[in-house]
Amino acid sequence: MGCISKSLQNLSYSLFCRKKINRRLVKIRRNWDEISKAICGHGNHKG
């Protein structure tokens, strides 16, 4: 299982950023960072 959350986060960010929910996006991104760390380890994701 590779760590695709980085790519997924970038994609989600790009998509959400085009809509007018930036304030929610901030919360989503922070939560996603936590999820991402839980899945990938602490800043271990390369690729």
C-alpha atoms as a PDB file:
ATOM      1  CA  MET A   1       0.000   0.000   0.000  1.00  0.00           C
ATOM      2  CA  GLY A   2       1.704   3.166  -1.192  1.00  0.00           C
ATOM      3  CA  CYS A   3       0.986   6.577   0.163  1.00  0.00           C
ATOM      4  CA  ILE A   4      -1.249   8.326  -2.350  1.00  0.00           C
ATOM      5  CA  SER A   5      -2.772  10.733   0.143  1.00  0.00           C
ATOM      6  CA  LYS A   6      -0.395  13.508  -0.918  1.00  0.00           C
ATOM      7  CA  SER A   7      -1.614  13.339  -4.511  1.00  0.00           C
ATOM      8  CA  LEU A   8      -5.184  12.913  -3.356  1.00  0.00           C
ATOM      9  CA  GLN A   9      -4.874  15.927  -1.084  1.00  0.00           C
ATOM     10  CA  ASN A  10      -3.452  18.054  -3.878  1.00  0.00           C
ATOM     11  CA  LEU A  11      -6.231  16.971  -6.220  1.00  0.00           C
ATOM     12  CA  SER A  12      -8.936  17.594  -3.634  1.00  0.00           C
ATOM     13  CA  TYR A  13      -7.415  20.951  -2.796  1.00  0.00           C
ATOM     14  CA  SER A  14      -7.416  22.017  -6.438  1.00  0.00           C
ATOM     15  CA  LEU A  15     -11.023  20.943  -6.895  1.00  0.00           C
ATOM     16  CA  PHE A  16     -12.301  22.491  -3.683  1.00  0.00           C
ATOM     17  CA  CYS A  17     -10.350  25.678  -4.208  1.00  0.00           C
ATOM     18  CA  ARG A  18     -12.341  26.384  -7.345  1.00  0.00           C
ATOM     19  CA  LYS A  19     -15.548  26.350  -5.361  1.00  0.00           C
ATOM     20  CA  LYS A  20     -16.609  28.889  -2.791  1.00  0.00           C
ATOM     21  CA  ILE A  21     -16.104  26.826   0.329  1.00  0.00           C
ATOM     22  CA  ASN A  22     -12.637  27.960   1.320  1.00  0.00           C
ATOM     23  CA  ARG A  23     -13.508  28.190   5.002  1.00  0.00           C
ATOM     24  CA  ARG A  24     -14.750  24.648   5.080  1.00  0.00           C
ATOM     25  CA  LEU A  25     -11.783  23.639   2.979  1.00  0.00           C
ATOM     26  CA  VAL A  26      -9.420  24.834   5.677  1.00  0.00           C
ATOM     27  CA  LYS A  27     -11.072  22.539   8.204  1.00  0.00           C
ATOM     28  CA  ILE A  28     -11.172  19.688   5.724  1.00  0.00           C
ATOM     29  CA  ARG A  29      -7.501  20.155   4.912  1.00  0.00           C
ATOM     30  CA  ARG A  30      -6.501  20.192   8.567  1.00  0.00           C
ATOM     31  CA  ASN A  31      -8.489  17.050   9.206  1.00  0.00           C
ATOM     32  CA  TRP A  32      -7.024  15.507   6.069  1.00  0.00           C
ATOM     33  CA  ASP A  33      -3.515  16.328   7.294  1.00  0.00           C
ATOM     34  CA  GLU A  34      -4.277  14.378  10.454  1.00  0.00           C
ATOM     35  CA  ILE A  35      -5.700  11.465   8.461  1.00  0.00           C
ATOM     36  CA  SER A  36      -2.766  11.642   6.105  1.00  0.00           C
ATOM     37  CA  LYS A  37      -0.287  11.482   8.974  1.00  0.00           C
ATOM     38  CA  ALA A  38      -2.156   8.576  10.499  1.00  0.00           C
ATOM     39  CA  ILE A  39      -2.052   6.663   7.211  1.00  0.00           C
ATOM     40  CA  CYS A  40       1.399   7.599   5.993  1.00  0.00           C
ATOM     41  CA  GLY A  41       3.301   8.175   9.186  1.00  0.00           C
ATOM     42  CA  HIS A  42       4.765  11.506  10.197  1.00  0.00           C
ATOM     43  CA  GLY A  43       5.871  13.303   7.055  1.00  0.00           C
ATOM     44  CA  ASN A  44       7.054  10.035   5.559  1.00  0.00           C
ATOM     45  CA  HIS A  45       5.198  10.359   2.285  1.00  0.00           C
ATOM     46  CA  LYS A  46       7.450  10.647  -0.752  1.00  0.00           C
ATOM     47  CA  GLY A  47       5.531  10.266  -3.967  1.00  0.00           C
END
